[in-house]
Amino acid sequence: MNKFFTSKEVYEERLSICKKCIHFFKLTGSCKRCGCFMRIKARLAPMSCPESYWLKTTEIDVPDDIPIELIGEIIDLWENLKTGKAKTIEDKKKMIEIYNLIYNTSYNPGTNCGSCINTAYEGIKKIYKENNPFI
């Protein structure tokens, strides 16, 4: 797993800044300027805001487990993935971005490669099953 996460405090501060920004698209939680899903990007220490409202940091939290925010993202996203096919292109991109982050891979979020998409789906499905008490 990638070990380049910010502390909880830095994450919450970044996300708070994003939510007040004119470029924040509330419906998807993404930035209209860079296109990133901010609940993911704000957690990564080497990332920065394209408008420089917050910068990359050297404060890195090395968690033992996947951060709760990412598990929450997976649980929220699962409804749109559970059939094995993402309901929208945005859902597919988000799934691949989360998979890349957790498994330290670099699949293109816009890929149409069935093998790549299936690998990301199976990885996300595994995490969902491990973290959902209702399965």
C-alpha atoms as a PDB file:
ATOM      1  CA  MET A   1       0.000   0.000   0.000  1.00  0.00           C
ATOM      2  CA  ASN A   2       1.145   3.533  -0.711  1.00  0.00           C
ATOM      3  CA  LYS A   3       2.528   5.186   2.439  1.00  0.00           C
ATOM      4  CA  PHE A   4       2.314   8.841   1.425  1.00  0.00           C
ATOM      5  CA  PHE A   5      -0.749  10.003   3.328  1.00  0.00           C
ATOM      6  CA  THR A   6      -1.154  13.221   5.292  1.00  0.00           C
ATOM      7  CA  SER A   7      -2.135  13.325   8.930  1.00  0.00           C
ATOM      8  CA  LYS A   8      -5.836  13.480   9.721  1.00  0.00           C
ATOM      9  CA  GLU A   9      -5.507  17.148  10.722  1.00  0.00           C
ATOM     10  CA  VAL A  10      -3.844  18.164   7.426  1.00  0.00           C
ATOM     11  CA  TYR A  11      -6.422  16.158   5.476  1.00  0.00           C
ATOM     12  CA  GLU A  12      -9.339  17.842   7.243  1.00  0.00           C
ATOM     13  CA  GLU A  13      -7.796  21.304   6.788  1.00  0.00           C
ATOM     14  CA  ARG A  14      -7.251  20.729   3.055  1.00  0.00           C
ATOM     15  CA  LEU A  15     -10.747  19.387   2.524  1.00  0.00           C
ATOM     16  CA  SER A  16     -12.228  22.317   4.437  1.00  0.00           C
ATOM     17  CA  ILE A  17     -10.395  24.719   2.103  1.00  0.00           C
ATOM     18  CA  CYS A  18     -11.645  22.798  -0.933  1.00  0.00           C
ATOM     19  CA  LYS A  19     -15.257  22.844   0.197  1.00  0.00           C
ATOM     20  CA  LYS A  20     -15.143  26.661   0.390  1.00  0.00           C
ATOM     21  CA  CYS A  21     -13.501  27.046  -3.030  1.00  0.00           C
ATOM     22  CA  ILE A  22     -15.391  28.259  -6.107  1.00  0.00           C
ATOM     23  CA  HIS A  23     -13.844  25.387  -8.108  1.00  0.00           C
ATOM     24  CA  PHE A  24     -15.244  22.675  -5.786  1.00  0.00           C
ATOM     25  CA  PHE A  25     -18.055  20.700  -7.443  1.00  0.00           C
ATOM     26  CA  LYS A  26     -20.174  19.624  -4.494  1.00  0.00           C
ATOM     27  CA  LEU A  27     -22.183  17.000  -6.392  1.00  0.00           C
ATOM     28  CA  THR A  28     -19.164  14.774  -7.111  1.00  0.00           C
ATOM     29  CA  GLY A  29     -16.701  16.154  -4.566  1.00  0.00           C
ATOM     30  CA  SER A  30     -14.276  16.972  -7.349  1.00  0.00           C
ATOM     31  CA  CYS A  31     -12.312  20.047  -8.342  1.00  0.00           C
ATOM     32  CA  LYS A  32     -13.468  21.748 -11.538  1.00  0.00           C
ATOM     33  CA  ARG A  33      -9.946  23.107 -12.025  1.00  0.00           C
ATOM     34  CA  CYS A  34      -7.933  19.847 -11.909  1.00  0.00           C
ATOM     35  CA  GLY A  35     -10.703  17.219 -12.121  1.00  0.00           C
ATOM     36  CA  CYS A  36      -9.485  15.307  -9.054  1.00  0.00           C
ATOM     37  CA  PHE A  37     -11.726  13.781  -6.419  1.00  0.00           C
ATOM     38  CA  MET A  38     -10.758  15.942  -3.472  1.00  0.00           C
ATOM     39  CA  ARG A  39     -11.527  13.436  -0.690  1.00  0.00           C
ATOM     40  CA  ILE A  40      -8.750  11.377  -2.238  1.00  0.00           C
ATOM     41  CA  LYS A  41      -6.310  14.061  -3.366  1.00  0.00           C
ATOM     42  CA  ALA A  42      -6.448  15.949  -0.049  1.00  0.00           C
ATOM     43  CA  ARG A  43      -5.196  12.809   1.734  1.00  0.00           C
ATOM     44  CA  LEU A  44      -2.013  12.543  -0.351  1.00  0.00           C
ATOM     45  CA  ALA A  45       1.003  14.372   1.085  1.00  0.00           C
ATOM     46  CA  PRO A  46       2.803  15.014  -2.237  1.00  0.00           C
ATOM     47  CA  MET A  47      -0.279  16.606  -3.844  1.00  0.00           C
ATOM     48  CA  SER A  48      -1.120  20.288  -3.989  1.00  0.00           C
ATOM     49  CA  CYS A  49      -4.050  22.466  -4.987  1.00  0.00           C
ATOM     50  CA  PRO A  50      -3.853  23.770  -8.575  1.00  0.00           C
ATOM     51  CA  GLU A  51      -4.753  27.231  -7.236  1.00  0.00           C
ATOM     52  CA  SER A  52      -2.121  26.932  -4.445  1.00  0.00           C
ATOM     53  CA  TYR A  53      -4.716  27.252  -1.677  1.00  0.00           C
ATOM     54  CA  TRP A  54      -2.868  24.362  -0.036  1.00  0.00           C
ATOM     55  CA  LEU A  55       0.535  22.948  -0.887  1.00  0.00           C
ATOM     56  CA  LYS A  56       2.184  19.570  -0.716  1.00  0.00           C
ATOM     57  CA  THR A  57       3.513  18.702   2.691  1.00  0.00           C
ATOM     58  CA  THR A  58       6.348  16.751   4.198  1.00  0.00           C
ATOM     59  CA  GLU A  59       4.100  15.646   7.065  1.00  0.00           C
ATOM     60  CA  ILE A  60       3.394  12.050   6.139  1.00  0.00           C
ATOM     61  CA  ASP A  61       1.250   9.695   8.175  1.00  0.00           C
ATOM     62  CA  VAL A  62       2.153   6.037   7.773  1.00  0.00           C
ATOM     63  CA  PRO A  63      -1.095   4.220   8.616  1.00  0.00           C
ATOM     64  CA  ASP A  64      -1.311   0.543   9.430  1.00  0.00           C
ATOM     65  CA  ASP A  65      -4.586   0.305   7.550  1.00  0.00           C
ATOM     66  CA  ILE A  66      -6.337   2.006   4.674  1.00  0.00           C
ATOM     67  CA  PRO A  67      -7.498   5.478   5.815  1.00  0.00           C
ATOM     68  CA  ILE A  68     -11.149   5.549   6.817  1.00  0.00           C
ATOM     69  CA  GLU A  69     -11.877   8.215   4.193  1.00  0.00           C
ATOM     70  CA  LEU A  70     -10.875   5.842   1.400  1.00  0.00           C
ATOM     71  CA  ILE A  71     -12.940   3.026   2.875  1.00  0.00           C
ATOM     72  CA  GLY A  72     -15.865   5.469   3.007  1.00  0.00           C
ATOM     73  CA  GLU A  73     -15.282   6.364  -0.635  1.00  0.00           C
ATOM     74  CA  ILE A  74     -15.349   2.672  -1.564  1.00  0.00           C
ATOM     75  CA  ILE A  75     -18.523   2.023   0.395  1.00  0.00           C
ATOM     76  CA  ASP A  76     -20.211   5.063  -1.178  1.00  0.00           C
ATOM     77  CA  LEU A  77     -19.048   4.063  -4.653  1.00  0.00           C
ATOM     78  CA  TRP A  78     -19.971   0.384  -4.336  1.00  0.00           C
ATOM     79  CA  GLU A  79     -23.661   0.948  -5.137  1.00  0.00           C
ATOM     80  CA  ASN A  80     -22.564   2.083  -8.605  1.00  0.00           C
ATOM     81  CA  LEU A  81     -20.104  -0.804  -9.080  1.00  0.00           C
ATOM     82  CA  LYS A  82     -21.740  -3.841  -7.503  1.00  0.00           C
ATOM     83  CA  THR A  83     -23.018  -5.289 -10.785  1.00  0.00           C
ATOM     84  CA  GLY A  84     -19.428  -5.524 -12.043  1.00  0.00           C
ATOM     85  CA  LYS A  85     -19.862  -2.600 -14.422  1.00  0.00           C
ATOM     86  CA  ALA A  86     -19.540   1.025 -13.341  1.00  0.00           C
ATOM     87  CA  LYS A  87     -22.753   2.983 -13.866  1.00  0.00           C
ATOM     88  CA  THR A  88     -20.927   6.055 -15.182  1.00  0.00           C
ATOM     89  CA  ILE A  89     -17.539   7.000 -16.575  1.00  0.00           C
ATOM     90  CA  GLU A  90     -16.964   9.090 -13.423  1.00  0.00           C
ATOM     91  CA  ASP A  91     -17.597   6.004 -11.257  1.00  0.00           C
ATOM     92  CA  LYS A  92     -15.078   4.020 -13.313  1.00  0.00           C
ATOM     93  CA  LYS A  93     -12.475   6.774 -13.052  1.00  0.00           C
ATOM     94  CA  LYS A  94     -12.999   7.120  -9.316  1.00  0.00           C
ATOM     95  CA  MET A  95     -12.700   3.341  -8.840  1.00  0.00           C
ATOM     96  CA  ILE A  96      -9.399   3.263 -10.732  1.00  0.00           C
ATOM     97  CA  GLU A  97      -8.032   6.312  -8.885  1.00  0.00           C
ATOM     98  CA  ILE A  98      -8.815   4.735  -5.515  1.00  0.00           C
ATOM     99  CA  TYR A  99      -7.343   1.419  -6.653  1.00  0.00           C
ATOM    100  CA  ASN A 100      -4.146   3.164  -7.827  1.00  0.00           C
ATOM    101  CA  LEU A 101      -3.823   4.962  -4.536  1.00  0.00           C
ATOM    102  CA  ILE A 102      -4.290   1.913  -2.328  1.00  0.00           C
ATOM    103  CA  TYR A 103      -2.328  -0.598  -4.405  1.00  0.00           C
ATOM    104  CA  ASN A 104       0.345   1.854  -5.577  1.00  0.00           C
ATOM    105  CA  THR A 105      -0.371   1.246  -9.265  1.00  0.00           C
ATOM    106  CA  SER A 106      -0.692   3.662 -12.152  1.00  0.00           C
ATOM    107  CA  TYR A 107      -3.603   2.520 -14.289  1.00  0.00           C
ATOM    108  CA  ASN A 108      -4.955   5.286 -16.504  1.00  0.00           C
ATOM    109  CA  PRO A 109      -8.327   6.324 -14.998  1.00  0.00           C
ATOM    110  CA  GLY A 110      -9.658   6.783 -18.542  1.00  0.00           C
ATOM    111  CA  THR A 111      -8.673   3.299 -19.676  1.00  0.00           C
ATOM    112  CA  ASN A 112     -11.079   1.018 -21.516  1.00  0.00           C
ATOM    113  CA  CYS A 113      -8.843  -2.028 -21.049  1.00  0.00           C
ATOM    114  CA  GLY A 114     -11.096  -4.761 -19.696  1.00  0.00           C
ATOM    115  CA  SER A 115      -8.272  -6.472 -17.837  1.00  0.00           C
ATOM    116  CA  CYS A 116      -7.202  -3.254 -16.093  1.00  0.00           C
ATOM    117  CA  ILE A 117     -10.765  -2.347 -15.152  1.00  0.00           C
ATOM    118  CA  ASN A 118     -11.449  -5.860 -13.860  1.00  0.00           C
ATOM    119  CA  THR A 119      -8.276  -5.831 -11.744  1.00  0.00           C
ATOM    120  CA  ALA A 120      -9.314  -2.496 -10.193  1.00  0.00           C
ATOM    121  CA  TYR A 121     -12.861  -3.769  -9.643  1.00  0.00           C
ATOM    122  CA  GLU A 122     -11.679  -6.946  -7.905  1.00  0.00           C
ATOM    123  CA  GLY A 123      -9.310  -4.941  -5.668  1.00  0.00           C
ATOM    124  CA  ILE A 124     -12.065  -2.522  -4.664  1.00  0.00           C
ATOM    125  CA  LYS A 125     -14.526  -5.400  -4.184  1.00  0.00           C
ATOM    126  CA  LYS A 126     -12.077  -7.113  -1.814  1.00  0.00           C
ATOM    127  CA  ILE A 127     -11.735  -3.979   0.320  1.00  0.00           C
ATOM    128  CA  TYR A 128     -15.502  -3.447   0.294  1.00  0.00           C
ATOM    129  CA  LYS A 129     -16.143  -6.983   1.507  1.00  0.00           C
ATOM    130  CA  GLU A 130     -13.495  -6.667   4.234  1.00  0.00           C
ATOM    131  CA  ASN A 131     -15.043  -3.440   5.521  1.00  0.00           C
ATOM    132  CA  ASN A 132     -18.753  -4.014   5.114  1.00  0.00           C
ATOM    133  CA  PRO A 133     -20.353  -5.974   7.966  1.00  0.00           C
ATOM    134  CA  PHE A 134     -23.503  -6.634   5.932  1.00  0.00           C
ATOM    135  CA  ILE A 135     -21.926  -9.115   3.500  1.00  0.00           C
END
